[in-house]
Amino acid sequence: MTQQQWKAFCAFKKEFQDICNFWKNKYSEILKPLQKQIANQDKVPEYPIENPIVYNTALDEVSQSDEIKLILIGDNPGKNEQLEINKKYLVGLSGKIADNFFKKNIELQTDFRKNIIILNKTPIHTAKTKELLFLANQNKEIAELIKTSQIWMAKKTVELQIALNCKLWLVGYAEVKEKGIFQEYKKTLFEEYQKNEDGKNAYKNFFVYQHFSMNRFLIDLNEFSSSKETTNKSLETRLNELGTIHKKQIFGL
């Protein structure tokens, strides 16, 4: 990273950590019992809720010498991510699938843990993404927090992408669709991209994909790559084309 990019990254990281700590201190007592309740109702095997709101500590391992090629946006921190021993995003099975994808495809020249910044649409933990809707329906304060956190993440993520001049992948769009829990994230993200020329240029490097969970990302990519039209195209070109198709499907442009 250049000195200017490093400064922007460090500013983002501090703001992100500060806002997560603020939300955690303010809402943990309300969140934990609700998170536990919905997990039980959803028949999720018992697990300790240690961090109801999760700052990604992997950001603290990034150094100025690292080349950031991509910001990857998941949904929200799950069971493994919120554990005190982790406090990192995409460290479960989905993360392993993503890591293996980049290791197997060396032509992308991307190390999943060194060249990619992993963020989420909200730092609020649930065992399953759909459980965020339950939280919102159970408590007005938490509903407002879920909304506020999405707006914050969307705005700051676009700012960071512009500063780092890198691609942004939104991975997992089921809840970004109409009536999904991430409507506020979608709306804010698009507005940020349309604000000025920097945003509009960054939008060209914004791509949307299916989630790594249950191998949906790979299945979708393989299906797309099997057509005659993509036979002789590079993997990066195919990824860009597929990500653009889904971007048009979800964002309408």
Foldseek 3Di string as FASTA:
>chain_A
DDPQLVVLLVVLLVVLVVVLVVCQVVCVVVQQVLLQVVCVVVVPPDDDQQRQFARACLSVVADPPFAAAEEEEEAEDARVCRDPVGSHPLPDPLVVLVQVVCVVPCVVVDHSSGHYHYYYLARGYHNDRQSLVVVVVPDVVSVVVLLVRNLVCLLSVLVSCLSSVHAYEYEACPQCAPPRSNVSNLVNNVCNLPPDPSSVVNVLRYFYAYGSPPPRRVVQLVVQCPDPVNVPPDSVVSRSVNRVVVCCVRVVD
